[in-house]
Amino acid sequence: MYEIDRIISRTVSYGVVVALIAAVFIGSVTFLGSLLPDDSPLAVAASTLSVAALFNPLRRKVQRFVDQLFNRSRYDAGRTIDAFSARLRSEVDLDQLGGDLQAVAAETMQPTSVALWLRG
């Protein structure tokens, strides 16, 4: 079965994005409509283009914020893996890397046991 927390997260984020996009659209149509002549369709066209350009960046930011609020473990796991990959670039000691890799795997995946096998 599909993860219910992912469905709830997406529903909340798209609900917030739709509300924000609608507010921006109505506000820009009203503002541009007051500047332009009454029969000009330019206000609606410009508002539509601006909202279309704003949708994906706004959706990504809202989704990231919702994930931080509701799905903290996945967000923390991503940050832990990013920090490990940054350390991985500068670390040369294989034993230290093995220990760090086991710690990251245990923290992010939370398995019952962790083992690392290296070819000799």
N, C-alpha and C. Protein backbone atom coordinates (compact mmCIF):
# COMPACT_ATOMS: atom_id res chain seq x y z
N MET A 1 0.83 -1.18 0.00
CA MET A 1 0.00 0.00 0.00
C MET A 1 0.88 1.25 0.00
N TYR A 2 0.41 2.25 -0.70
CA TYR A 2 1.15 3.50 -0.82
C TYR A 2 1.22 4.20 0.53
N GLU A 3 2.29 4.87 0.80
CA GLU A 3 2.49 5.52 2.09
C GLU A 3 1.47 6.65 2.28
N ILE A 4 0.67 6.55 3.32
CA ILE A 4 -0.37 7.54 3.58
C ILE A 4 0.22 8.89 3.96
N ASP A 5 1.38 8.89 4.62
CA ASP A 5 1.99 10.17 4.99
C ASP A 5 2.43 10.96 3.76
N ARG A 6 2.82 10.25 2.72
CA ARG A 6 3.20 10.94 1.47
C ARG A 6 1.97 11.56 0.81
N ILE A 7 0.85 10.84 0.84
CA ILE A 7 -0.39 11.38 0.26
C ILE A 7 -0.85 12.61 1.04
N ILE A 8 -0.78 12.55 2.36
CA ILE A 8 -1.19 13.70 3.17
C ILE A 8 -0.25 14.87 2.94
N SER A 9 1.04 14.62 2.87
CA SER A 9 2.01 15.67 2.63
C SER A 9 1.77 16.37 1.30
N ARG A 10 1.54 15.59 0.26
CA ARG A 10 1.27 16.18 -1.06
C ARG A 10 -0.04 16.95 -1.07
N THR A 11 -1.06 16.43 -0.41
CA THR A 11 -2.35 17.10 -0.36
C THR A 11 -2.24 18.45 0.34
N VAL A 12 -1.55 18.47 1.46
CA VAL A 12 -1.37 19.73 2.18
C VAL A 12 -0.57 20.72 1.36
N SER A 13 0.52 20.26 0.75
CA SER A 13 1.36 21.18 -0.01
C SER A 13 0.63 21.72 -1.24
N TYR A 14 -0.10 20.87 -1.97
CA TYR A 14 -0.83 21.37 -3.14
C TYR A 14 -1.99 22.28 -2.73
N GLY A 15 -2.61 22.02 -1.59
CA GLY A 15 -3.66 22.92 -1.10
C GLY A 15 -3.11 24.30 -0.80
N VAL A 16 -1.95 24.34 -0.15
CA VAL A 16 -1.31 25.63 0.16
C VAL A 16 -0.88 26.33 -1.13
N VAL A 17 -0.31 25.59 -2.06
CA VAL A 17 0.14 26.19 -3.32
C VAL A 17 -1.04 26.75 -4.10
N VAL A 18 -2.14 26.02 -4.17
CA VAL A 18 -3.32 26.51 -4.90
C VAL A 18 -3.86 27.78 -4.26
N ALA A 19 -3.90 27.82 -2.93
CA ALA A 19 -4.38 29.02 -2.25
C ALA A 19 -3.47 30.21 -2.51
N LEU A 20 -2.15 30.00 -2.46
CA LEU A 20 -1.22 31.08 -2.73
C LEU A 20 -1.28 31.55 -4.18
N ILE A 21 -1.34 30.60 -5.10
CA ILE A 21 -1.43 30.95 -6.52
C ILE A 21 -2.71 31.73 -6.81
N ALA A 22 -3.83 31.31 -6.22
CA ALA A 22 -5.09 32.01 -6.42
C ALA A 22 -5.02 33.43 -5.87
N ALA A 23 -4.40 33.58 -4.70
CA ALA A 23 -4.26 34.92 -4.12
C ALA A 23 -3.38 35.82 -4.99
N VAL A 24 -2.29 35.27 -5.49
CA VAL A 24 -1.40 36.05 -6.36
C VAL A 24 -2.12 36.40 -7.66
N PHE A 25 -2.85 35.47 -8.22
CA PHE A 25 -3.56 35.72 -9.47
C PHE A 25 -4.62 36.81 -9.29
N ILE A 26 -5.44 36.69 -8.26
CA ILE A 26 -6.50 37.67 -8.03
C ILE A 26 -5.89 39.04 -7.72
N GLY A 27 -4.84 39.05 -6.92
CA GLY A 27 -4.19 40.32 -6.60
C GLY A 27 -3.57 40.98 -7.81
N SER A 28 -2.90 40.20 -8.64
CA SER A 28 -2.27 40.80 -9.82
C SER A 28 -3.29 41.23 -10.87
N VAL A 29 -4.37 40.48 -11.03
CA VAL A 29 -5.42 40.89 -11.97
C VAL A 29 -6.05 42.20 -11.49
N THR A 30 -6.31 42.30 -10.20
CA THR A 30 -6.90 43.52 -9.65
C THR A 30 -5.95 44.70 -9.80
N PHE A 31 -4.69 44.49 -9.47
CA PHE A 31 -3.71 45.58 -9.55
C PHE A 31 -3.49 46.02 -10.99
N LEU A 32 -3.25 45.05 -11.88
CA LEU A 32 -3.02 45.40 -13.29
C LEU A 32 -4.28 45.93 -13.94
N GLY A 33 -5.44 45.45 -13.51
CA GLY A 33 -6.70 45.95 -14.05
C GLY A 33 -6.93 47.40 -13.69
N SER A 34 -6.45 47.83 -12.54
CA SER A 34 -6.60 49.24 -12.16
C SER A 34 -5.65 50.13 -12.93
N LEU A 35 -4.54 49.58 -13.42
CA LEU A 35 -3.57 50.37 -14.18
C LEU A 35 -3.92 50.45 -15.66
N LEU A 36 -4.53 49.42 -16.19
CA LEU A 36 -4.82 49.33 -17.62
C LEU A 36 -6.27 49.72 -17.90
N PRO A 37 -6.61 50.00 -19.16
CA PRO A 37 -8.01 50.29 -19.50
C PRO A 37 -8.92 49.11 -19.18
N ASP A 38 -10.21 49.35 -19.00
CA ASP A 38 -11.16 48.33 -18.58
C ASP A 38 -11.31 47.17 -19.56
N ASP A 39 -11.24 47.42 -20.84
CA ASP A 39 -11.47 46.36 -21.82
C ASP A 39 -10.18 45.66 -22.26
N SER A 40 -9.08 45.90 -21.59
CA SER A 40 -7.80 45.30 -21.98
C SER A 40 -7.64 43.90 -21.35
N PRO A 41 -7.42 42.88 -22.19
CA PRO A 41 -7.19 41.53 -21.65
C PRO A 41 -5.74 41.32 -21.19
N LEU A 42 -4.95 42.37 -21.26
CA LEU A 42 -3.54 42.27 -20.91
C LEU A 42 -3.33 41.93 -19.43
N ALA A 43 -4.21 42.42 -18.55
CA ALA A 43 -4.07 42.15 -17.12
C ALA A 43 -4.22 40.66 -16.83
N VAL A 44 -5.20 40.03 -17.44
CA VAL A 44 -5.41 38.60 -17.22
C VAL A 44 -4.28 37.79 -17.84
N ALA A 45 -3.84 38.18 -19.03
CA ALA A 45 -2.76 37.45 -19.70
C ALA A 45 -1.45 37.55 -18.90
N ALA A 46 -1.11 38.74 -18.45
CA ALA A 46 0.12 38.92 -17.67
C ALA A 46 0.03 38.18 -16.34
N SER A 47 -1.12 38.21 -15.71
CA SER A 47 -1.29 37.50 -14.44
C SER A 47 -1.18 36.00 -14.64
N THR A 48 -1.75 35.48 -15.71
CA THR A 48 -1.68 34.05 -16.00
C THR A 48 -0.25 33.62 -16.25
N LEU A 49 0.49 34.39 -17.01
CA LEU A 49 1.89 34.04 -17.28
C LEU A 49 2.74 34.11 -16.01
N SER A 50 2.50 35.11 -15.18
CA SER A 50 3.29 35.21 -13.94
C SER A 50 2.98 34.06 -12.99
N VAL A 51 1.71 33.66 -12.90
CA VAL A 51 1.33 32.55 -12.03
C VAL A 51 1.90 31.24 -12.58
N ALA A 52 1.89 31.06 -13.89
CA ALA A 52 2.44 29.85 -14.49
C ALA A 52 3.94 29.75 -14.22
N ALA A 53 4.64 30.87 -14.28
CA ALA A 53 6.08 30.86 -14.00
C ALA A 53 6.37 30.66 -12.52
N LEU A 54 5.46 31.06 -11.67
CA LEU A 54 5.64 30.98 -10.23
C LEU A 54 5.31 29.61 -9.65
N PHE A 55 4.55 28.79 -10.37
CA PHE A 55 4.00 27.56 -9.81
C PHE A 55 5.07 26.58 -9.33
N ASN A 56 5.99 26.15 -10.19
CA ASN A 56 6.97 25.12 -9.81
C ASN A 56 7.92 25.56 -8.70
N PRO A 57 8.51 26.75 -8.76
CA PRO A 57 9.36 27.16 -7.63
C PRO A 57 8.59 27.24 -6.31
N LEU A 58 7.37 27.75 -6.37
CA LEU A 58 6.56 27.84 -5.16
C LEU A 58 6.18 26.45 -4.65
N ARG A 59 5.86 25.53 -5.55
CA ARG A 59 5.52 24.17 -5.15
C ARG A 59 6.69 23.48 -4.47
N ARG A 60 7.91 23.66 -5.01
CA ARG A 60 9.09 23.05 -4.40
C ARG A 60 9.35 23.59 -3.00
N LYS A 61 9.24 24.91 -2.84
CA LYS A 61 9.50 25.50 -1.52
C LYS A 61 8.44 25.09 -0.51
N VAL A 62 7.18 25.07 -0.92
CA VAL A 62 6.12 24.66 0.00
C VAL A 62 6.27 23.19 0.34
N GLN A 63 6.61 22.34 -0.62
CA GLN A 63 6.78 20.91 -0.35
C GLN A 63 7.93 20.68 0.62
N ARG A 64 9.02 21.41 0.45
CA ARG A 64 10.15 21.28 1.36
C ARG A 64 9.74 21.70 2.78
N PHE A 65 8.98 22.79 2.90
CA PHE A 65 8.51 23.25 4.20
C PHE A 65 7.57 22.24 4.85
N VAL A 66 6.64 21.70 4.07
CA VAL A 66 5.70 20.71 4.60
C VAL A 66 6.43 19.44 5.02
N ASP A 67 7.42 19.02 4.24
CA ASP A 67 8.21 17.84 4.60
C ASP A 67 8.97 18.07 5.91
N GLN A 68 9.48 19.28 6.10
CA GLN A 68 10.17 19.58 7.35
C GLN A 68 9.22 19.52 8.53
N LEU A 69 7.98 19.94 8.34
CA LEU A 69 7.02 19.95 9.44
C LEU A 69 6.46 18.57 9.75
N PHE A 70 6.01 17.86 8.71
CA PHE A 70 5.27 16.62 8.91
C PHE A 70 6.08 15.36 8.76
N ASN A 71 7.15 15.41 8.01
CA ASN A 71 7.93 14.20 7.74
C ASN A 71 9.36 14.44 8.19
N ARG A 72 9.53 14.69 9.44
CA ARG A 72 10.82 15.09 9.99
C ARG A 72 11.89 14.01 9.81
N SER A 73 11.52 12.75 9.95
CA SER A 73 12.53 11.69 9.86
C SER A 73 13.14 11.61 8.47
N ARG A 74 12.33 11.76 7.43
CA ARG A 74 12.85 11.73 6.06
C ARG A 74 13.73 12.94 5.79
N TYR A 75 13.32 14.11 6.30
CA TYR A 75 14.10 15.32 6.11
C TYR A 75 15.44 15.21 6.84
N ASP A 76 15.42 14.71 8.08
CA ASP A 76 16.65 14.55 8.84
C ASP A 76 17.57 13.51 8.19
N ALA A 77 16.99 12.45 7.65
CA ALA A 77 17.80 11.42 6.97
C ALA A 77 18.50 12.02 5.76
N GLY A 78 17.80 12.85 5.02
CA GLY A 78 18.41 13.49 3.86
C GLY A 78 19.56 14.41 4.25
N ARG A 79 19.38 15.14 5.33
CA ARG A 79 20.44 16.03 5.80
C ARG A 79 21.64 15.22 6.31
N THR A 80 21.38 14.10 6.96
CA THR A 80 22.47 13.25 7.45
C THR A 80 23.27 12.67 6.29
N ILE A 81 22.59 12.22 5.26
CA ILE A 81 23.28 11.66 4.09
C ILE A 81 24.07 12.74 3.36
N ASP A 82 23.52 13.95 3.26
CA ASP A 82 24.25 15.05 2.63
C ASP A 82 25.52 15.40 3.42
N ALA A 83 25.41 15.40 4.74
CA ALA A 83 26.59 15.69 5.57
C ALA A 83 27.64 14.59 5.42
N PHE A 84 27.19 13.33 5.35
CA PHE A 84 28.13 12.23 5.16
C PHE A 84 28.82 12.32 3.81
N SER A 85 28.08 12.65 2.77
CA SER A 85 28.70 12.74 1.44
C SER A 85 29.71 13.88 1.39
N ALA A 86 29.48 14.95 2.14
CA ALA A 86 30.47 16.03 2.19
C ALA A 86 31.73 15.58 2.91
N ARG A 87 31.58 14.80 4.00
CA ARG A 87 32.75 14.26 4.70
C ARG A 87 33.47 13.23 3.85
N LEU A 88 32.74 12.50 3.04
CA LEU A 88 33.30 11.43 2.22
C LEU A 88 34.32 11.96 1.22
N ARG A 89 34.13 13.17 0.76
CA ARG A 89 35.05 13.74 -0.23
C ARG A 89 36.44 13.99 0.34
N SER A 90 36.51 14.30 1.64
CA SER A 90 37.80 14.67 2.21
C SER A 90 38.43 13.57 3.07
N GLU A 91 37.71 12.51 3.36
CA GLU A 91 38.21 11.45 4.25
C GLU A 91 39.00 10.42 3.45
N VAL A 92 40.16 10.01 3.98
CA VAL A 92 40.98 9.00 3.31
C VAL A 92 41.16 7.74 4.15
N ASP A 93 40.87 7.79 5.42
CA ASP A 93 41.04 6.64 6.30
C ASP A 93 39.86 5.69 6.12
N LEU A 94 40.14 4.49 5.63
CA LEU A 94 39.09 3.52 5.31
C LEU A 94 38.35 3.04 6.56
N ASP A 95 39.07 2.86 7.67
CA ASP A 95 38.41 2.44 8.91
C ASP A 95 37.44 3.51 9.41
N GLN A 96 37.87 4.76 9.34
CA GLN A 96 36.99 5.87 9.77
C GLN A 96 35.76 5.95 8.87
N LEU A 97 35.96 5.78 7.56
CA LEU A 97 34.83 5.81 6.62
C LEU A 97 33.85 4.67 6.89
N GLY A 98 34.38 3.49 7.20
CA GLY A 98 33.52 2.36 7.49
C GLY A 98 32.66 2.61 8.72
N GLY A 99 33.27 3.15 9.75
CA GLY A 99 32.51 3.48 10.96
C GLY A 99 31.47 4.55 10.71
N ASP A 100 31.85 5.57 9.93
CA ASP A 100 30.89 6.64 9.59
C ASP A 100 29.74 6.11 8.75
N LEU A 101 30.06 5.22 7.81
CA LEU A 101 29.02 4.65 6.96
C LEU A 101 28.04 3.81 7.78
N GLN A 102 28.54 3.04 8.70
CA GLN A 102 27.67 2.24 9.56
C GLN A 102 26.80 3.13 10.44
N ALA A 103 27.38 4.22 10.96
CA ALA A 103 26.61 5.14 11.80
C ALA A 103 25.51 5.83 11.00
N VAL A 104 25.83 6.24 9.78
CA VAL A 104 24.83 6.90 8.93
C VAL A 104 23.72 5.93 8.56
N ALA A 105 24.09 4.70 8.22
CA ALA A 105 23.07 3.70 7.87
C ALA A 105 22.18 3.40 9.06
N ALA A 106 22.77 3.29 10.24
CA ALA A 106 21.98 3.01 11.44
C ALA A 106 21.05 4.17 11.77
N GLU A 107 21.53 5.40 11.57
CA GLU A 107 20.71 6.58 11.91
C GLU A 107 19.59 6.81 10.92
N THR A 108 19.87 6.65 9.64
CA THR A 108 18.86 6.99 8.63
C THR A 108 17.88 5.86 8.36
N MET A 109 18.37 4.63 8.29
CA MET A 109 17.51 3.51 7.95
C MET A 109 16.95 2.78 9.17
N GLN A 110 17.63 2.90 10.30
CA GLN A 110 17.27 2.27 11.56
C GLN A 110 17.04 0.76 11.42
N PRO A 111 18.05 0.03 10.88
CA PRO A 111 17.91 -1.42 10.77
C PRO A 111 18.18 -2.08 12.12
N THR A 112 17.88 -3.38 12.20
CA THR A 112 18.15 -4.10 13.45
C THR A 112 19.63 -4.35 13.64
N SER A 113 20.38 -4.48 12.55
CA SER A 113 21.83 -4.63 12.64
C SER A 113 22.47 -4.03 11.39
N VAL A 114 23.74 -3.65 11.53
CA VAL A 114 24.49 -3.06 10.42
C VAL A 114 25.82 -3.77 10.33
N ALA A 115 26.18 -4.20 9.13
CA ALA A 115 27.48 -4.82 8.91
C ALA A 115 28.07 -4.27 7.62
N LEU A 116 29.39 -4.17 7.60
CA LEU A 116 30.07 -3.65 6.42
C LEU A 116 31.09 -4.68 5.98
N TRP A 117 31.04 -5.07 4.73
CA TRP A 117 31.97 -6.05 4.18
C TRP A 117 32.81 -5.33 3.13
N LEU A 118 34.13 -5.40 3.26
CA LEU A 118 35.05 -4.79 2.32
C LEU A 118 35.88 -5.88 1.68
N ARG A 119 36.03 -5.79 0.37
CA ARG A 119 36.90 -6.74 -0.32
C ARG A 119 38.34 -6.42 -0.02
N GLY A 120 39.13 -7.43 0.18
CA GLY A 120 40.53 -7.23 0.55
C GLY A 120 41.45 -7.13 -0.59
